[in-house]
């Protein structure tokens, strides 16, 4: 998911350099949404791992 956020961020930066304001704004907003979704999912995964007491069990 973070990969898609970075891809849309790069698209937004390239579009902004070329002067496509609407496309750059849309790609930047998509990148921002995907980044926050990634942060929420990472936090949920971290909390679930803490509550289950899961740790890596290396031999």
PDB file of N, CA and C in Angstrom:
ATOM      1  N   UNK A   1       0.829  -1.187   0.000  1.00  0.00           N
ATOM      2  CA  UNK A   1       0.000   0.000   0.000  1.00  0.00           C
ATOM      3  C   UNK A   1       0.873   1.249   0.000  1.00  0.00           C
ATOM      4  N   UNK A   2       1.958   1.218   0.757  1.00  0.00           N
ATOM      5  CA  UNK A   2       2.838   2.382   0.772  1.00  0.00           C
ATOM      6  C   UNK A   2       3.470   2.566  -0.603  1.00  0.00           C
ATOM      7  N   UNK A   3       3.620   1.472  -1.334  1.00  0.00           N
ATOM      8  CA  UNK A   3       4.171   1.556  -2.689  1.00  0.00           C
ATOM      9  C   UNK A   3       3.262   2.380  -3.600  1.00  0.00           C
ATOM     10  N   UNK A   4       1.946   2.162  -3.498  1.00  0.00           N
ATOM     11  CA  UNK A   4       1.010   2.928  -4.310  1.00  0.00           C
ATOM     12  C   UNK A   4       1.006   4.400  -3.921  1.00  0.00           C
ATOM     13  N   UNK A   5       1.147   4.684  -2.638  1.00  0.00           N
ATOM     14  CA  UNK A   5       1.202   6.071  -2.191  1.00  0.00           C
ATOM     15  C   UNK A   5       2.420   6.774  -2.785  1.00  0.00           C
ATOM     16  N   UNK A   6       3.557   6.089  -2.800  1.00  0.00           N
ATOM     17  CA  UNK A   6       4.765   6.679  -3.367  1.00  0.00           C
ATOM     18  C   UNK A   6       4.616   6.855  -4.878  1.00  0.00           C
ATOM     19  N   UNK A   7       3.999   5.893  -5.548  1.00  0.00           N
ATOM     20  CA  UNK A   7       3.798   5.999  -6.995  1.00  0.00           C
ATOM     21  C   UNK A   7       2.931   7.208  -7.324  1.00  0.00           C
ATOM     22  N   UNK A   8       1.825   7.388  -6.588  1.00  0.00           N
ATOM     23  CA  UNK A   8       0.959   8.534  -6.851  1.00  0.00           C
ATOM     24  C   UNK A   8       1.645   9.847  -6.481  1.00  0.00           C
ATOM     25  N   UNK A   9       2.514   9.824  -5.489  1.00  0.00           N
ATOM     26  CA  UNK A   9       3.274  11.021  -5.145  1.00  0.00           C
ATOM     27  C   UNK A   9       4.215  11.397  -6.282  1.00  0.00           C
ATOM     28  N   UNK A  10       4.888  10.420  -6.868  1.00  0.00           N
ATOM     29  CA  UNK A  10       5.782  10.688  -7.996  1.00  0.00           C
ATOM     30  C   UNK A  10       4.988  11.201  -9.187  1.00  0.00           C
ATOM     31  N   UNK A  11       3.829  10.611  -9.451  1.00  0.00           N
ATOM     32  CA  UNK A  11       2.975  11.079 -10.542  1.00  0.00           C
ATOM     33  C   UNK A  11       2.565  12.527 -10.300  1.00  0.00           C
ATOM     34  N   UNK A  12       2.236  12.859  -9.065  1.00  0.00           N
ATOM     35  CA  UNK A  12       1.835  14.229  -8.740  1.00  0.00           C
ATOM     36  C   UNK A  12       2.990  15.202  -8.951  1.00  0.00           C
ATOM     37  N   UNK A  13       4.189  14.809  -8.550  1.00  0.00           N
ATOM     38  CA  UNK A  13       5.343  15.688  -8.720  1.00  0.00           C
ATOM     39  C   UNK A  13       5.676  15.906 -10.198  1.00  0.00           C
ATOM     40  N   UNK A  14       5.629  14.849 -10.985  1.00  0.00           N
ATOM     41  CA  UNK A  14       5.908  14.970 -12.415  1.00  0.00           C
ATOM     42  C   UNK A  14       4.837  15.823 -13.093  1.00  0.00           C
ATOM     43  N   UNK A  15       3.581  15.599 -12.740  1.00  0.00           N
ATOM     44  CA  UNK A  15       2.497  16.379 -13.334  1.00  0.00           C
ATOM     45  C   UNK A  15       2.604  17.841 -12.928  1.00  0.00           C
ATOM     46  N   UNK A  16       3.015  18.107 -11.716  1.00  0.00           N
ATOM     47  CA  UNK A  16       3.177  19.486 -11.279  1.00  0.00           C
ATOM     48  C   UNK A  16       4.304  20.168 -12.046  1.00  0.00           C
ATOM     49  N   UNK A  17       5.388  19.449 -12.309  1.00  0.00           N
ATOM     50  CA  UNK A  17       6.489  20.021 -13.077  1.00  0.00           C
ATOM     51  C   UNK A  17       6.077  20.320 -14.517  1.00  0.00           C
ATOM     52  N   UNK A  18       5.200  19.486 -15.060  1.00  0.00           N
ATOM     53  CA  UNK A  18       4.747  19.684 -16.435  1.00  0.00           C
ATOM     54  C   UNK A  18       3.601  20.683 -16.529  1.00  0.00           C
ATOM     55  N   UNK A  19       3.039  21.069 -15.400  1.00  0.00           N
ATOM     56  CA  UNK A  19       2.006  22.089 -15.402  1.00  0.00           C
ATOM     57  C   UNK A  19       0.578  21.572 -15.457  1.00  0.00           C
ATOM     58  N   UNK A  20       0.360  20.327 -15.223  1.00  0.00           N
ATOM     59  CA  UNK A  20      -0.991  19.776 -15.211  1.00  0.00           C
ATOM     60  C   UNK A  20      -1.544  19.870 -13.791  1.00  0.00           C
ATOM     61  N   UNK A  21      -2.129  20.995 -13.454  1.00  0.00           N
ATOM     62  CA  UNK A  21      -2.567  21.260 -12.090  1.00  0.00           C
ATOM     63  C   UNK A  21      -3.634  20.308 -11.594  1.00  0.00           C
ATOM     64  N   UNK A  22      -4.630  20.021 -12.404  1.00  0.00           N
ATOM     65  CA  UNK A  22      -5.720  19.141 -11.980  1.00  0.00           C
ATOM     66  C   UNK A  22      -5.246  17.724 -11.731  1.00  0.00           C
ATOM     67  N   UNK A  23      -4.426  17.235 -12.633  1.00  0.00           N
ATOM     68  CA  UNK A  23      -3.894  15.876 -12.491  1.00  0.00           C
ATOM     69  C   UNK A  23      -2.959  15.782 -11.295  1.00  0.00           C
ATOM     70  N   UNK A  24      -2.140  16.810 -11.098  1.00  0.00           N
ATOM     71  CA  UNK A  24      -1.214  16.802  -9.970  1.00  0.00           C
ATOM     72  C   UNK A  24      -1.972  16.826  -8.650  1.00  0.00           C
ATOM     73  N   UNK A  25      -3.003  17.641  -8.568  1.00  0.00           N
ATOM     74  CA  UNK A  25      -3.798  17.712  -7.341  1.00  0.00           C
ATOM     75  C   UNK A  25      -4.505  16.403  -7.045  1.00  0.00           C
ATOM     76  N   UNK A  26      -5.029  15.776  -8.086  1.00  0.00           N
ATOM     77  CA  UNK A  26      -5.735  14.506  -7.897  1.00  0.00           C
ATOM     78  C   UNK A  26      -4.761  13.409  -7.454  1.00  0.00           C
ATOM     79  N   UNK A  27      -3.607  13.323  -8.101  1.00  0.00           N
ATOM     80  CA  UNK A  27      -2.634  12.300  -7.733  1.00  0.00           C
ATOM     81  C   UNK A  27      -2.093  12.543  -6.328  1.00  0.00           C
ATOM     82  N   UNK A  28      -1.907  13.793  -5.960  1.00  0.00           N
ATOM     83  CA  UNK A  28      -1.417  14.105  -4.613  1.00  0.00           C
ATOM     84  C   UNK A  28      -2.454  13.730  -3.559  1.00  0.00           C
ATOM     85  N   UNK A  29      -3.717  13.975  -3.837  1.00  0.00           N
ATOM     86  CA  UNK A  29      -4.746  13.612  -2.854  1.00  0.00           C
ATOM     87  C   UNK A  29      -4.877  12.096  -2.727  1.00  0.00           C
ATOM     88  N   UNK A  30      -4.737  11.375  -3.821  1.00  0.00           N
ATOM     89  CA  UNK A  30      -4.783   9.916  -3.758  1.00  0.00           C
ATOM     90  C   UNK A  30      -3.592   9.396  -2.959  1.00  0.00           C
ATOM     91  N   UNK A  31      -2.410   9.971  -3.185  1.00  0.00           N
ATOM     92  CA  UNK A  31      -1.225   9.551  -2.442  1.00  0.00           C
ATOM     93  C   UNK A  31      -1.392   9.818  -0.952  1.00  0.00           C
ATOM     94  N   UNK A  32      -1.991  10.952  -0.616  1.00  0.00           N
ATOM     95  CA  UNK A  32      -2.193  11.296   0.793  1.00  0.00           C
ATOM     96  C   UNK A  32      -3.176  10.321   1.450  1.00  0.00           C
ATOM     97  N   UNK A  33      -4.244   9.999   0.763  1.00  0.00           N
ATOM     98  CA  UNK A  33      -5.238   9.059   1.306  1.00  0.00           C
ATOM     99  C   UNK A  33      -4.609   7.684   1.508  1.00  0.00           C
ATOM    100  N   UNK A  34      -3.888   7.203   0.508  1.00  0.00           N
ATOM    101  CA  UNK A  34      -3.261   5.880   0.619  1.00  0.00           C
ATOM    102  C   UNK A  34      -2.220   5.846   1.735  1.00  0.00           C
ATOM    103  N   UNK A  35      -1.498   6.949   1.924  1.00  0.00           N
ATOM    104  CA  UNK A  35      -0.502   7.001   2.988  1.00  0.00           C
ATOM    105  C   UNK A  35      -1.159   6.893   4.355  1.00  0.00           C
ATOM    106  N   UNK A  36      -2.268   7.612   4.557  1.00  0.00           N
ATOM    107  CA  UNK A  36      -2.944   7.549   5.850  1.00  0.00           C
ATOM    108  C   UNK A  36      -3.611   6.189   6.074  1.00  0.00           C
ATOM    109  N   UNK A  37      -4.114   5.580   5.009  1.00  0.00           N
ATOM    110  CA  UNK A  37      -4.671   4.228   5.141  1.00  0.00           C
ATOM    111  C   UNK A  37      -3.559   3.265   5.553  1.00  0.00           C
ATOM    112  N   UNK A  38      -2.377   3.409   4.961  1.00  0.00           N
ATOM    113  CA  UNK A  38      -1.241   2.576   5.333  1.00  0.00           C
ATOM    114  C   UNK A  38      -0.873   2.771   6.800  1.00  0.00           C
ATOM    115  N   UNK A  39      -0.858   4.019   7.261  1.00  0.00           N
ATOM    116  CA  UNK A  39      -0.526   4.278   8.662  1.00  0.00           C
ATOM    117  C   UNK A  39      -1.532   3.636   9.611  1.00  0.00           C
ATOM    118  N   UNK A  40      -2.808   3.726   9.284  1.00  0.00           N
ATOM    119  CA  UNK A  40      -3.839   3.131  10.133  1.00  0.00           C
ATOM    120  C   UNK A  40      -3.693   1.611  10.164  1.00  0.00           C
ATOM    121  N   UNK A  41      -3.486   0.999   8.994  1.00  0.00           N
ATOM    122  CA  UNK A  41      -3.327  -0.458   8.955  1.00  0.00           C
ATOM    123  C   UNK A  41      -2.069  -0.910   9.689  1.00  0.00           C
ATOM    124  N   UNK A  42      -0.985  -0.137   9.593  1.00  0.00           N
ATOM    125  CA  UNK A  42       0.235  -0.481  10.317  1.00  0.00           C
ATOM    126  C   UNK A  42       0.016  -0.383  11.821  1.00  0.00           C
ATOM    127  N   UNK A  43      -0.710   0.641  12.273  1.00  0.00           N
ATOM    128  CA  UNK A  43      -0.985   0.794  13.697  1.00  0.00           C
ATOM    129  C   UNK A  43      -1.871  -0.342  14.207  1.00  0.00           C
ATOM    130  N   UNK A  44      -2.877  -0.715  13.433  1.00  0.00           N
ATOM    131  CA  UNK A  44      -3.755  -1.827  13.821  1.00  0.00           C
ATOM    132  C   UNK A  44      -2.957  -3.125  13.900  1.00  0.00           C
ATOM    133  N   UNK A  45      -2.098  -3.355  12.917  1.00  0.00           N
ATOM    134  CA  UNK A  45      -1.276  -4.560  12.929  1.00  0.00           C
ATOM    135  C   UNK A  45      -0.359  -4.585  14.146  1.00  0.00           C
ATOM    136  N   UNK A  46       0.225  -3.449  14.482  1.00  0.00           N
ATOM    137  CA  UNK A  46       1.094  -3.358  15.651  1.00  0.00           C
ATOM    138  C   UNK A  46       0.325  -3.649  16.931  1.00  0.00           C
ATOM    139  N   UNK A  47      -0.873  -3.074  17.061  1.00  0.00           N
ATOM    140  CA  UNK A  47      -1.676  -3.286  18.266  1.00  0.00           C
ATOM    141  C   UNK A  47      -2.149  -4.728  18.392  1.00  0.00           C
ATOM    142  N   UNK A  48      -2.534  -5.340  17.283  1.00  0.00           N
ATOM    143  CA  UNK A  48      -2.972  -6.733  17.318  1.00  0.00           C
ATOM    144  C   UNK A  48      -1.807  -7.627  17.724  1.00  0.00           C
ATOM    145  N   UNK A  49      -0.626  -7.317  17.224  1.00  0.00           N
ATOM    146  CA  UNK A  49       0.548  -8.103  17.575  1.00  0.00           C
ATOM    147  C   UNK A  49       0.865  -7.962  19.059  1.00  0.00           C
ATOM    148  N   UNK A  50       0.684  -6.771  19.621  1.00  0.00           N
ATOM    149  CA  UNK A  50       0.935  -6.572  21.041  1.00  0.00           C
ATOM    150  C   UNK A  50      -0.083  -7.311  21.913  1.00  0.00           C
ATOM    151  N   UNK A  51      -1.371  -7.234  21.516  1.00  0.00           N
ATOM    152  CA  UNK A  51      -2.410  -7.855  22.342  1.00  0.00           C
ATOM    153  C   UNK A  51      -2.355  -9.380  22.288  1.00  0.00           C
ATOM    154  N   UNK A  52      -1.950  -9.924  21.184  1.00  0.00           N
ATOM    155  CA  UNK A  52      -1.866 -11.384  21.074  1.00  0.00           C
ATOM    156  C   UNK A  52      -0.579 -11.907  21.682  1.00  0.00           C
ATOM    157  N   UNK A  53       0.325 -11.023  22.014  1.00  0.00           N
ATOM    158  CA  UNK A  53       1.576 -11.459  22.598  1.00  0.00           C
ATOM    159  C   UNK A  53       2.468 -12.139  21.592  1.00  0.00           C
ATOM    160  N   UNK A  54       2.214 -11.855  20.334  1.00  0.00           N
ATOM    161  CA  UNK A  54       2.997 -12.495  19.286  1.00  0.00           C
ATOM    162  C   UNK A  54       4.385 -11.914  19.203  1.00  0.00           C
ATOM    163  N   UNK A  55       5.299 -12.759  19.130  1.00  0.00           N
ATOM    164  CA  UNK A  55       6.679 -12.361  18.935  1.00  0.00           C
ATOM    165  C   UNK A  55       7.294 -13.339  17.977  1.00  0.00           C
ATOM    166  N   UNK A  56       8.405 -12.992  17.444  1.00  0.00           N
ATOM    167  CA  UNK A  56       9.035 -13.927  16.526  1.00  0.00           C
ATOM    168  C   UNK A  56       9.617 -15.080  17.336  1.00  0.00           C
ATOM    169  N   UNK A  57       9.317 -16.263  16.920  1.00  0.00           N
ATOM    170  CA  UNK A  57       9.820 -17.453  17.611  1.00  0.00           C
ATOM    171  C   UNK A  57      10.909 -18.069  16.752  1.00  0.00           C
ATOM    172  N   UNK A  58      12.098 -17.563  16.947  1.00  0.00           N
ATOM    173  CA  UNK A  58      13.218 -18.093  16.200  1.00  0.00           C
ATOM    174  C   UNK A  58      13.799 -19.298  16.919  1.00  0.00           C
ATOM    175  N   UNK A  59      14.157 -20.319  16.156  1.00  0.00           N
ATOM    176  CA  UNK A  59      14.710 -21.524  16.802  1.00  0.00           C
ATOM    177  C   UNK A  59      16.084 -21.302  17.366  1.00  0.00           C
TER     178      UNK A  59
END
